[in-house]
Amino acid sequence: MSIDTEIRHVTKAGSNIFLELGFDAVEAEQFQAELQQHVNNTIVLKEQLMTELAQWIADNHLKQIEAAEILHVSRPRISDLVNKKVNKFTFDTLLSMLNRVGKPVRLVIG
């Protein structure tokens, strides 16, 4: 049995995927705007969590290698954290790191 791995179509960066999926222009724009807002909200939240961790590192005068040992990650991961490379971290990872340093996160809705 062979698996079909042929690429048939590639959506260009910045294109509206909803248009390409066949939605009408108005609906596609609405979906695209909602998606972008969701992405922006995700980035803001991750940056807030990363700022808390970076501040903890600074407040404790830790070198990246020391922070990495405490957080159970590699030194390059700490560099990514301090430089706010949000795409390299999941919420779960950031929440676990905050919990390890005694900064549990509480979610408030409404």
PDB file of N, CA and C in Angstrom:
ATOM      1  N   MET A   1       0.838  -1.163   0.000  1.00  0.00           N
ATOM      2  CA  MET A   1       0.000   0.000   0.000  1.00  0.00           C
ATOM      3  C   MET A   1       0.898   1.246   0.000  1.00  0.00           C
ATOM      4  N   SER A   2       0.607   2.212  -0.859  1.00  0.00           N
ATOM      5  CA  SER A   2       1.406   3.437  -0.875  1.00  0.00           C
ATOM      6  C   SER A   2       0.545   4.599  -0.388  1.00  0.00           C
ATOM      7  N   ILE A   3       1.207   5.540   0.218  1.00  0.00           N
ATOM      8  CA  ILE A   3       0.531   6.719   0.752  1.00  0.00           C
ATOM      9  C   ILE A   3       0.721   7.858  -0.240  1.00  0.00           C
ATOM     10  N   ASP A   4      -0.375   8.519  -0.576  1.00  0.00           N
ATOM     11  CA  ASP A   4      -0.335   9.638  -1.511  1.00  0.00           C
ATOM     12  C   ASP A   4       0.193  10.870  -0.788  1.00  0.00           C
ATOM     13  N   THR A   5       1.362  11.343  -1.192  1.00  0.00           N
ATOM     14  CA  THR A   5       1.971  12.521  -0.560  1.00  0.00           C
ATOM     15  C   THR A   5       2.148  13.669  -1.546  1.00  0.00           C
ATOM     16  N   GLU A   6       1.492  13.583  -2.691  1.00  0.00           N
ATOM     17  CA  GLU A   6       1.629  14.624  -3.703  1.00  0.00           C
ATOM     18  C   GLU A   6       0.986  15.927  -3.229  1.00  0.00           C
ATOM     19  N   ILE A   7       1.702  17.029  -3.398  1.00  0.00           N
ATOM     20  CA  ILE A   7       1.177  18.350  -3.047  1.00  0.00           C
ATOM     21  C   ILE A   7       0.396  18.865  -4.244  1.00  0.00           C
ATOM     22  N   ARG A   8      -0.868  19.176  -4.035  1.00  0.00           N
ATOM     23  CA  ARG A   8      -1.726  19.610  -5.123  1.00  0.00           C
ATOM     24  C   ARG A   8      -1.939  21.123  -5.143  1.00  0.00           C
ATOM     25  N   HIS A   9      -1.835  21.736  -3.985  1.00  0.00           N
ATOM     26  CA  HIS A   9      -2.076  23.172  -3.913  1.00  0.00           C
ATOM     27  C   HIS A   9      -1.370  23.734  -2.684  1.00  0.00           C
ATOM     28  N   VAL A  10      -0.790  24.902  -2.828  1.00  0.00           N
ATOM     29  CA  VAL A  10      -0.152  25.595  -1.715  1.00  0.00           C
ATOM     30  C   VAL A  10      -0.737  27.003  -1.651  1.00  0.00           C
ATOM     31  N   THR A  11      -1.229  27.368  -0.477  1.00  0.00           N
ATOM     32  CA  THR A  11      -1.772  28.706  -0.292  1.00  0.00           C
ATOM     33  C   THR A  11      -0.622  29.658   0.006  1.00  0.00           C
ATOM     34  N   LYS A  12      -0.558  30.745  -0.724  1.00  0.00           N
ATOM     35  CA  LYS A  12       0.508  31.729  -0.509  1.00  0.00           C
ATOM     36  C   LYS A  12       0.331  32.419   0.836  1.00  0.00           C
ATOM     37  N   ALA A  13       1.450  32.752   1.461  1.00  0.00           N
ATOM     38  CA  ALA A  13       1.422  33.467   2.735  1.00  0.00           C
ATOM     39  C   ALA A  13       0.663  34.775   2.555  1.00  0.00           C
ATOM     40  N   GLY A  14      -0.181  35.087   3.512  1.00  0.00           N
ATOM     41  CA  GLY A  14      -0.948  36.322   3.454  1.00  0.00           C
ATOM     42  C   GLY A  14      -2.262  36.197   2.697  1.00  0.00           C
ATOM     43  N   SER A  15      -2.465  35.064   2.039  1.00  0.00           N
ATOM     44  CA  SER A  15      -3.722  34.853   1.308  1.00  0.00           C
ATOM     45  C   SER A  15      -4.846  34.521   2.279  1.00  0.00           C
ATOM     46  N   ASN A  16      -6.060  34.739   1.818  1.00  0.00           N
ATOM     47  CA  ASN A  16      -7.226  34.405   2.626  1.00  0.00           C
ATOM     48  C   ASN A  16      -7.622  32.967   2.298  1.00  0.00           C
ATOM     49  N   ILE A  17      -7.316  32.080   3.210  1.00  0.00           N
ATOM     50  CA  ILE A  17      -7.585  30.653   3.017  1.00  0.00           C
ATOM     51  C   ILE A  17      -9.080  30.390   2.844  1.00  0.00           C
ATOM     52  N   PHE A  18      -9.905  31.232   3.442  1.00  0.00           N
ATOM     53  CA  PHE A  18     -11.351  31.021   3.368  1.00  0.00           C
ATOM     54  C   PHE A  18     -11.878  31.277   1.956  1.00  0.00           C
ATOM     55  N   LEU A  19     -11.266  32.215   1.249  1.00  0.00           N
ATOM     56  CA  LEU A  19     -11.615  32.418  -0.162  1.00  0.00           C
ATOM     57  C   LEU A  19     -11.262  31.177  -0.971  1.00  0.00           C
ATOM     58  N   GLU A  20     -10.089  30.642  -0.696  1.00  0.00           N
ATOM     59  CA  GLU A  20      -9.635  29.465  -1.434  1.00  0.00           C
ATOM     60  C   GLU A  20     -10.465  28.231  -1.116  1.00  0.00           C
ATOM     61  N   LEU A  21     -11.098  28.223   0.047  1.00  0.00           N
ATOM     62  CA  LEU A  21     -11.967  27.109   0.406  1.00  0.00           C
ATOM     63  C   LEU A  21     -13.363  27.254  -0.188  1.00  0.00           C
ATOM     64  N   GLY A  22     -13.624  28.388  -0.841  1.00  0.00           N
ATOM     65  CA  GLY A  22     -14.892  28.553  -1.545  1.00  0.00           C
ATOM     66  C   GLY A  22     -15.926  29.420  -0.854  1.00  0.00           C
ATOM     67  N   PHE A  23     -15.583  30.058   0.261  1.00  0.00           N
ATOM     68  CA  PHE A  23     -16.531  30.952   0.901  1.00  0.00           C
ATOM     69  C   PHE A  23     -16.673  32.215   0.064  1.00  0.00           C
ATOM     70  N   ASP A  24     -17.848  32.851   0.125  1.00  0.00           N
ATOM     71  CA  ASP A  24     -18.006  34.100  -0.629  1.00  0.00           C
ATOM     72  C   ASP A  24     -17.122  35.170   0.010  1.00  0.00           C
ATOM     73  N   ALA A  25     -16.837  36.221  -0.730  1.00  0.00           N
ATOM     74  CA  ALA A  25     -15.842  37.223  -0.331  1.00  0.00           C
ATOM     75  C   ALA A  25     -16.150  37.876   1.021  1.00  0.00           C
ATOM     76  N   VAL A  26     -17.410  38.220   1.248  1.00  0.00           N
ATOM     77  CA  VAL A  26     -17.774  38.897   2.497  1.00  0.00           C
ATOM     78  C   VAL A  26     -17.561  37.965   3.688  1.00  0.00           C
ATOM     79  N   GLU A  27     -18.032  36.743   3.553  1.00  0.00           N
ATOM     80  CA  GLU A  27     -17.893  35.765   4.629  1.00  0.00           C
ATOM     81  C   GLU A  27     -16.415  35.414   4.853  1.00  0.00           C
ATOM     82  N   ALA A  28     -15.677  35.269   3.780  1.00  0.00           N
ATOM     83  CA  ALA A  28     -14.252  34.952   3.873  1.00  0.00           C
ATOM     84  C   ALA A  28     -13.500  36.053   4.615  1.00  0.00           C
ATOM     85  N   GLU A  29     -13.815  37.305   4.326  1.00  0.00           N
ATOM     86  CA  GLU A  29     -13.167  38.428   5.020  1.00  0.00           C
ATOM     87  C   GLU A  29     -13.506  38.419   6.503  1.00  0.00           C
ATOM     88  N   GLN A  30     -14.754  38.118   6.819  1.00  0.00           N
ATOM     89  CA  GLN A  30     -15.179  38.059   8.220  1.00  0.00           C
ATOM     90  C   GLN A  30     -14.422  36.951   8.958  1.00  0.00           C
ATOM     91  N   PHE A  31     -14.364  35.774   8.362  1.00  0.00           N
ATOM     92  CA  PHE A  31     -13.643  34.658   8.976  1.00  0.00           C
ATOM     93  C   PHE A  31     -12.163  34.991   9.146  1.00  0.00           C
ATOM     94  N   GLN A  32     -11.581  35.620   8.136  1.00  0.00           N
ATOM     95  CA  GLN A  32     -10.163  35.983   8.179  1.00  0.00           C
ATOM     96  C   GLN A  32      -9.908  36.982   9.315  1.00  0.00           C
ATOM     97  N   ALA A  33     -10.785  37.963   9.469  1.00  0.00           N
ATOM     98  CA  ALA A  33     -10.643  38.965  10.529  1.00  0.00           C
ATOM     99  C   ALA A  33     -10.767  38.310  11.904  1.00  0.00           C
ATOM    100  N   GLU A  34     -11.717  37.390  12.061  1.00  0.00           N
ATOM    101  CA  GLU A  34     -11.898  36.689  13.330  1.00  0.00           C
ATOM    102  C   GLU A  34     -10.675  35.839  13.648  1.00  0.00           C
ATOM    103  N   LEU A  35     -10.155  35.174  12.639  1.00  0.00           N
ATOM    104  CA  LEU A  35      -8.962  34.355  12.823  1.00  0.00           C
ATOM    105  C   LEU A  35      -7.781  35.222  13.255  1.00  0.00           C
ATOM    106  N   GLN A  36      -7.584  36.354  12.601  1.00  0.00           N
ATOM    107  CA  GLN A  36      -6.469  37.242  12.941  1.00  0.00           C
ATOM    108  C   GLN A  36      -6.611  37.771  14.358  1.00  0.00           C
ATOM    109  N   GLN A  37      -7.835  38.088  14.777  1.00  0.00           N
ATOM    110  CA  GLN A  37      -8.056  38.553  16.147  1.00  0.00           C
ATOM    111  C   GLN A  37      -7.708  37.462  17.148  1.00  0.00           C
ATOM    112  N   HIS A  38      -8.069  36.235  16.837  1.00  0.00           N
ATOM    113  CA  HIS A  38      -7.740  35.098  17.707  1.00  0.00           C
ATOM    114  C   HIS A  38      -6.224  34.937  17.817  1.00  0.00           C
ATOM    115  N   VAL A  39      -5.538  35.015  16.700  1.00  0.00           N
ATOM    116  CA  VAL A  39      -4.073  34.895  16.684  1.00  0.00           C
ATOM    117  C   VAL A  39      -3.459  36.017  17.515  1.00  0.00           C
ATOM    118  N   ASN A  40      -3.937  37.239  17.330  1.00  0.00           N
ATOM    119  CA  ASN A  40      -3.408  38.378  18.088  1.00  0.00           C
ATOM    120  C   ASN A  40      -3.631  38.205  19.583  1.00  0.00           C
ATOM    121  N   ASN A  41      -4.813  37.729  19.978  1.00  0.00           N
ATOM    122  CA  ASN A  41      -5.101  37.498  21.396  1.00  0.00           C
ATOM    123  C   ASN A  41      -4.176  36.433  21.980  1.00  0.00           C
ATOM    124  N   THR A  42      -3.925  35.394  21.209  1.00  0.00           N
ATOM    125  CA  THR A  42      -3.031  34.322  21.647  1.00  0.00           C
ATOM    126  C   THR A  42      -1.621  34.860  21.875  1.00  0.00           C
ATOM    127  N   ILE A  43      -1.144  35.672  20.960  1.00  0.00           N
ATOM    128  CA  ILE A  43       0.193  36.253  21.080  1.00  0.00           C
ATOM    129  C   ILE A  43       0.293  37.129  22.322  1.00  0.00           C
ATOM    130  N   VAL A  44      -0.709  37.954  22.554  1.00  0.00           N
ATOM    131  CA  VAL A  44      -0.707  38.844  23.727  1.00  0.00           C
ATOM    132  C   VAL A  44      -0.653  38.027  25.016  1.00  0.00           C
ATOM    133  N   LEU A  45      -1.460  36.980  25.103  1.00  0.00           N
ATOM    134  CA  LEU A  45      -1.471  36.155  26.315  1.00  0.00           C
ATOM    135  C   LEU A  45      -0.137  35.459  26.537  1.00  0.00           C
ATOM    136  N   LYS A  46       0.429  34.902  25.484  1.00  0.00           N
ATOM    137  CA  LYS A  46       1.728  34.235  25.612  1.00  0.00           C
ATOM    138  C   LYS A  46       2.811  35.227  26.021  1.00  0.00           C
ATOM    139  N   GLU A  47       2.770  36.423  25.450  1.00  0.00           N
ATOM    140  CA  GLU A  47       3.758  37.440  25.820  1.00  0.00           C
ATOM    141  C   GLU A  47       3.646  37.814  27.290  1.00  0.00           C
ATOM    142  N   GLN A  48       2.429  37.874  27.815  1.00  0.00           N
ATOM    143  CA  GLN A  48       2.243  38.172  29.236  1.00  0.00           C
ATOM    144  C   GLN A  48       2.869  37.087  30.107  1.00  0.00           C
ATOM    145  N   LEU A  49       2.647  35.831  29.743  1.00  0.00           N
ATOM    146  CA  LEU A  49       3.222  34.726  30.506  1.00  0.00           C
ATOM    147  C   LEU A  49       4.742  34.739  30.415  1.00  0.00           C
ATOM    148  N   MET A  50       5.260  35.020  29.229  1.00  0.00           N
ATOM    149  CA  MET A  50       6.709  35.059  29.026  1.00  0.00           C
ATOM    150  C   MET A  50       7.332  36.222  29.797  1.00  0.00           C
ATOM    151  N   THR A  51       6.641  37.345  29.852  1.00  0.00           N
ATOM    152  CA  THR A  51       7.136  38.491  30.609  1.00  0.00           C
ATOM    153  C   THR A  51       7.253  38.151  32.090  1.00  0.00           C
ATOM    154  N   GLU A  52       6.265  37.438  32.621  1.00  0.00           N
ATOM    155  CA  GLU A  52       6.319  37.015  34.027  1.00  0.00           C
ATOM    156  C   GLU A  52       7.537  36.135  34.288  1.00  0.00           C
ATOM    157  N   LEU A  53       7.784  35.197  33.388  1.00  0.00           N
ATOM    158  CA  LEU A  53       8.933  34.309  33.559  1.00  0.00           C
ATOM    159  C   LEU A  53      10.249  35.062  33.421  1.00  0.00           C
ATOM    160  N   ALA A  54      10.336  35.929  32.435  1.00  0.00           N
ATOM    161  CA  ALA A  54      11.561  36.714  32.238  1.00  0.00           C
ATOM    162  C   ALA A  54      11.811  37.606  33.448  1.00  0.00           C
ATOM    163  N   GLN A  55      10.757  38.166  34.007  1.00  0.00           N
ATOM    164  CA  GLN A  55      10.897  39.012  35.193  1.00  0.00           C
ATOM    165  C   GLN A  55      11.364  38.199  36.387  1.00  0.00           C
ATOM    166  N   TRP A  56      10.853  36.986  36.515  1.00  0.00           N
ATOM    167  CA  TRP A  56      11.285  36.098  37.605  1.00  0.00           C
ATOM    168  C   TRP A  56      12.776  35.796  37.474  1.00  0.00           C
ATOM    169  N   ILE A  57      13.224  35.536  36.261  1.00  0.00           N
ATOM    170  CA  ILE A  57      14.645  35.277  36.016  1.00  0.00           C
ATOM    171  C   ILE A  57      15.476  36.494  36.417  1.00  0.00           C
ATOM    172  N   ALA A  58      15.033  37.670  35.992  1.00  0.00           N
ATOM    173  CA  ALA A  58      15.756  38.908  36.315  1.00  0.00           C
ATOM    174  C   ALA A  58      15.738  39.193  37.816  1.00  0.00           C
ATOM    175  N   ASP A  59      14.572  39.033  38.433  1.00  0.00           N
ATOM    176  CA  ASP A  59      14.447  39.317  39.874  1.00  0.00           C
ATOM    177  C   ASP A  59      15.349  38.420  40.710  1.00  0.00           C
ATOM    178  N   ASN A  60      15.567  37.201  40.233  1.00  0.00           N
ATOM    179  CA  ASN A  60      16.392  36.239  40.966  1.00  0.00           C
ATOM    180  C   ASN A  60      17.849  36.242  40.491  1.00  0.00           C
ATOM    181  N   HIS A  61      18.169  37.189  39.608  1.00  0.00           N
ATOM    182  CA  HIS A  61      19.547  37.351  39.106  1.00  0.00           C
ATOM    183  C   HIS A  61      20.127  36.030  38.603  1.00  0.00           C
ATOM    184  N   LEU A  62      19.309  35.314  37.824  1.00  0.00           N
ATOM    185  CA  LEU A  62      19.731  34.011  37.312  1.00  0.00           C
ATOM    186  C   LEU A  62      20.370  34.137  35.940  1.00  0.00           C
ATOM    187  N   LYS A  63      21.376  33.335  35.709  1.00  0.00           N
ATOM    188  CA  LYS A  63      21.918  33.188  34.370  1.00  0.00           C
ATOM    189  C   LYS A  63      20.985  32.240  33.640  1.00  0.00           C
ATOM    190  N   GLN A  64      21.018  32.292  32.308  1.00  0.00           N
ATOM    191  CA  GLN A  64      20.103  31.444  31.532  1.00  0.00           C
ATOM    192  C   GLN A  64      20.284  29.966  31.851  1.00  0.00           C
ATOM    193  N   ILE A  65      21.508  29.536  32.041  1.00  0.00           N
ATOM    194  CA  ILE A  65      21.750  28.113  32.336  1.00  0.00           C
ATOM    195  C   ILE A  65      21.141  27.728  33.687  1.00  0.00           C
ATOM    196  N   GLU A  66      21.176  28.654  34.654  1.00  0.00           N
ATOM    197  CA  GLU A  66      20.581  28.387  35.969  1.00  0.00           C
ATOM    198  C   GLU A  66      19.058  28.321  35.861  1.00  0.00           C
ATOM    199  N   ALA A  67      18.487  29.252  35.122  1.00  0.00           N
ATOM    200  CA  ALA A  67      17.033  29.242  34.929  1.00  0.00           C
ATOM    201  C   ALA A  67      16.605  27.977  34.201  1.00  0.00           C
ATOM    202  N   ALA A  68      17.384  27.569  33.229  1.00  0.00           N
ATOM    203  CA  ALA A  68      17.063  26.360  32.461  1.00  0.00           C
ATOM    204  C   ALA A  68      17.015  25.132  33.361  1.00  0.00           C
ATOM    205  N   GLU A  69      17.959  25.048  34.277  1.00  0.00           N
ATOM    206  CA  GLU A  69      17.992  23.903  35.188  1.00  0.00           C
ATOM    207  C   GLU A  69      16.759  23.888  36.084  1.00  0.00           C
ATOM    208  N   ILE A  70      16.389  25.030  36.611  1.00  0.00           N
ATOM    209  CA  ILE A  70      15.218  25.123  37.492  1.00  0.00           C
ATOM    210  C   ILE A  70      13.930  24.819  36.727  1.00  0.00           C
ATOM    211  N   LEU A  71      13.843  25.292  35.482  1.00  0.00           N
ATOM    212  CA  LEU A  71      12.623  25.126  34.687  1.00  0.00           C
ATOM    213  C   LEU A  71      12.591  23.824  33.893  1.00  0.00           C
ATOM    214  N   HIS A  72      13.668  23.039  33.982  1.00  0.00           N
ATOM    215  CA  HIS A  72      13.759  21.744  33.299  1.00  0.00           C
ATOM    216  C   HIS A  72      13.685  21.878  31.775  1.00  0.00           C
ATOM    217  N   VAL A  73      14.387  22.873  31.271  1.00  0.00           N
ATOM    218  CA  VAL A  73      14.474  23.080  29.828  1.00  0.00           C
ATOM    219  C   VAL A  73      15.930  23.360  29.466  1.00  0.00           C
ATOM    220  N   SER A  74      16.198  23.465  28.178  1.00  0.00           N
ATOM    221  CA  SER A  74      17.558  23.772  27.741  1.00  0.00           C
ATOM    222  C   SER A  74      17.827  25.271  27.817  1.00  0.00           C
ATOM    223  N   ARG A  75      19.091  25.648  27.814  1.00  0.00           N
ATOM    224  CA  ARG A  75      19.459  27.066  27.838  1.00  0.00           C
ATOM    225  C   ARG A  75      18.924  27.814  26.623  1.00  0.00           C
ATOM    226  N   PRO A  76      18.969  27.211  25.404  1.00  0.00           N
ATOM    227  CA  PRO A  76      18.382  27.909  24.259  1.00  0.00           C
ATOM    228  C   PRO A  76      16.882  28.179  24.415  1.00  0.00           C
ATOM    229  N   ARG A  77      16.183  27.315  25.147  1.00  0.00           N
ATOM    230  CA  ARG A  77      14.748  27.553  25.385  1.00  0.00           C
ATOM    231  C   ARG A  77      14.557  28.804  26.248  1.00  0.00           C
ATOM    232  N   ILE A  78      15.460  29.022  27.192  1.00  0.00           N
ATOM    233  CA  ILE A  78      15.384  30.221  28.022  1.00  0.00           C
ATOM    234  C   ILE A  78      15.632  31.454  27.161  1.00  0.00           C
ATOM    235  N   SER A  79      16.577  31.352  26.248  1.00  0.00           N
ATOM    236  CA  SER A  79      16.833  32.460  25.327  1.00  0.00           C
ATOM    237  C   SER A  79      15.582  32.775  24.507  1.00  0.00           C
ATOM    238  N   ASP A  80      14.923  31.730  24.006  1.00  0.00           N
ATOM    239  CA  ASP A  80      13.678  31.922  23.247  1.00  0.00           C
ATOM    240  C   ASP A  80      12.608  32.577  24.118  1.00  0.00           C
ATOM    241  N   LEU A  81      12.565  32.175  25.369  1.00  0.00           N
ATOM    242  CA  LEU A  81      11.589  32.723  26.308  1.00  0.00           C
ATOM    243  C   LEU A  81      11.841  34.208  26.552  1.00  0.00           C
ATOM    244  N   VAL A  82      13.066  34.547  26.884  1.00  0.00           N
ATOM    245  CA  VAL A  82      13.423  35.935  27.191  1.00  0.00           C
ATOM    246  C   VAL A  82      13.232  36.832  25.968  1.00  0.00           C
ATOM    247  N   ASN A  83      13.476  36.275  24.782  1.00  0.00           N
ATOM    248  CA  ASN A  83      13.321  37.041  23.544  1.00  0.00           C
ATOM    249  C   ASN A  83      11.902  36.970  22.990  1.00  0.00           C
ATOM    250  N   LYS A  84      11.007  36.406  23.768  1.00  0.00           N
ATOM    251  CA  LYS A  84       9.570  36.334  23.454  1.00  0.00           C
ATOM    252  C   LYS A  84       9.272  35.745  22.072  1.00  0.00           C
ATOM    253  N   LYS A  85       9.862  34.603  21.807  1.00  0.00           N
ATOM    254  CA  LYS A  85       9.563  33.890  20.572  1.00  0.00           C
ATOM    255  C   LYS A  85       8.314  33.041  20.827  1.00  0.00           C
ATOM    256  N   VAL A  86       7.169  33.703  20.754  1.00  0.00           N
ATOM    257  CA  VAL A  86       5.901  33.106  21.165  1.00  0.00           C
ATOM    258  C   VAL A  86       5.536  31.850  20.383  1.00  0.00           C
ATOM    259  N   ASN A  87       5.948  31.772  19.138  1.00  0.00           N
ATOM    260  CA  ASN A  87       5.589  30.608  18.329  1.00  0.00           C
ATOM    261  C   ASN A  87       6.306  29.344  18.753  1.00  0.00           C
ATOM    262  N   LYS A  88       7.296  29.460  19.604  1.00  0.00           N
ATOM    263  CA  LYS A  88       8.055  28.291  20.038  1.00  0.00           C
ATOM    264  C   LYS A  88       7.516  27.685  21.332  1.00  0.00           C
ATOM    265  N   PHE A  89       6.465  28.280  21.891  1.00  0.00           N
ATOM    266  CA  PHE A  89       5.938  27.814  23.170  1.00  0.00           C
ATOM    267  C   PHE A  89       4.429  27.603  23.110  1.00  0.00           C
ATOM    268  N   THR A  90       3.978  26.546  23.777  1.00  0.00           N
ATOM    269  CA  THR A  90       2.546  26.324  23.949  1.00  0.00           C
ATOM    270  C   THR A  90       2.127  26.938  25.280  1.00  0.00           C
ATOM    271  N   PHE A  91       0.842  27.143  25.445  1.00  0.00           N
ATOM    272  CA  PHE A  91       0.340  27.627  26.723  1.00  0.00           C
ATOM    273  C   PHE A  91       0.699  26.643  27.834  1.00  0.00           C
ATOM    274  N   ASP A  92       0.540  25.352  27.566  1.00  0.00           N
ATOM    275  CA  ASP A  92       0.831  24.335  28.578  1.00  0.00           C
ATOM    276  C   ASP A  92       2.264  24.445  29.077  1.00  0.00           C
ATOM    277  N   THR A  93       3.200  24.632  28.166  1.00  0.00           N
ATOM    278  CA  THR A  93       4.605  24.745  28.551  1.00  0.00           C
ATOM    279  C   THR A  93       4.828  25.963  29.428  1.00  0.00           C
ATOM    280  N   LEU A  94       4.290  27.102  29.023  1.00  0.00           N
ATOM    281  CA  LEU A  94       4.465  28.327  29.799  1.00  0.00           C
ATOM    282  C   LEU A  94       3.809  28.221  31.176  1.00  0.00           C
ATOM    283  N   LEU A  95       2.618  27.625  31.220  1.00  0.00           N
ATOM    284  CA  LEU A  95       1.931  27.464  32.500  1.00  0.00           C
ATOM    285  C   LEU A  95       2.702  26.527  33.424  1.00  0.00           C
ATOM    286  N   SER A  96       3.262  25.468  32.877  1.00  0.00           N
ATOM    287  CA  SER A  96       4.068  24.536  33.678  1.00  0.00           C
ATOM    288  C   SER A  96       5.309  25.228  34.226  1.00  0.00           C
ATOM    289  N   MET A  97       5.943  26.044  33.411  1.00  0.00           N
ATOM    290  CA  MET A  97       7.132  26.758  33.853  1.00  0.00           C
ATOM    291  C   MET A  97       6.778  27.729  34.983  1.00  0.00           C
ATOM    292  N   LEU A  98       5.697  28.455  34.838  1.00  0.00           N
ATOM    293  CA  LEU A  98       5.270  29.389  35.878  1.00  0.00           C
ATOM    294  C   LEU A  98       4.931  28.653  37.172  1.00  0.00           C
ATOM    295  N   ASN A  99       4.289  27.524  37.043  1.00  0.00           N
ATOM    296  CA  ASN A  99       3.943  26.725  38.211  1.00  0.00           C
ATOM    297  C   ASN A  99       5.202  26.249  38.933  1.00  0.00           C
ATOM    298  N   ARG A 100       6.243  25.858  38.178  1.00  0.00           N
ATOM    299  CA  ARG A 100       7.502  25.395  38.763  1.00  0.00           C
ATOM    300  C   ARG A 100       8.177  26.461  39.619  1.00  0.00           C
ATOM    301  N   VAL A 101       7.977  27.719  39.255  1.00  0.00           N
ATOM    302  CA  VAL A 101       8.637  28.795  40.010  1.00  0.00           C
ATOM    303  C   VAL A 101       7.703  29.427  41.036  1.00  0.00           C
ATOM    304  N   GLY A 102       6.575  28.773  41.296  1.00  0.00           N
ATOM    305  CA  GLY A 102       5.669  29.258  42.330  1.00  0.00           C
ATOM    306  C   GLY A 102       4.770  30.398  41.902  1.00  0.00           C
ATOM    307  N   LYS A 103       4.504  30.472  40.604  1.00  0.00           N
ATOM    308  CA  LYS A 103       3.605  31.509  40.080  1.00  0.00           C
ATOM    309  C   LYS A 103       2.462  30.848  39.313  1.00  0.00           C
ATOM    310  N   PRO A 104       1.578  30.155  40.029  1.00  0.00           N
ATOM    311  CA  PRO A 104       0.468  29.502  39.323  1.00  0.00           C
ATOM    312  C   PRO A 104      -0.425  30.550  38.669  1.00  0.00           C
ATOM    313  N   VAL A 105      -0.993  30.183  37.549  1.00  0.00           N
ATOM    314  CA  VAL A 105      -1.851  31.089  36.786  1.00  0.00           C
ATOM    315  C   VAL A 105      -3.306  30.736  37.057  1.00  0.00           C
ATOM    316  N   ARG A 106      -4.107  31.781  37.247  1.00  0.00           N
ATOM    317  CA  ARG A 106      -5.539  31.594  37.488  1.00  0.00           C
ATOM    318  C   ARG A 106      -6.280  32.225  36.311  1.00  0.00           C
ATOM    319  N   LEU A 107      -7.187  31.503  35.717  1.00  0.00           N
ATOM    320  CA  LEU A 107      -7.975  31.984  34.599  1.00  0.00           C
ATOM    321  C   LEU A 107      -9.278  32.578  35.116  1.00  0.00           C
ATOM    322  N   VAL A 108      -9.534  33.816  34.708  1.00  0.00           N
ATOM    323  CA  VAL A 108     -10.779  34.486  35.102  1.00  0.00           C
ATOM    324  C   VAL A 108     -11.555  34.792  33.832  1.00  0.00           C
ATOM    325  N   ILE A 109     -12.811  34.376  33.793  1.00  0.00           N
ATOM    326  CA  ILE A 109     -13.656  34.600  32.640  1.00  0.00           C
ATOM    327  C   ILE A 109     -14.733  35.610  33.014  1.00  0.00           C
ATOM    328  N   GLY A 110     -14.918  36.584  32.128  1.00  0.00           N
ATOM    329  CA  GLY A 110     -15.975  37.555  32.333  1.00  0.00           C
ATOM    330  C   GLY A 110     -15.526  38.721  33.034  1.00  0.00           C
TER     331      GLY A 110
END
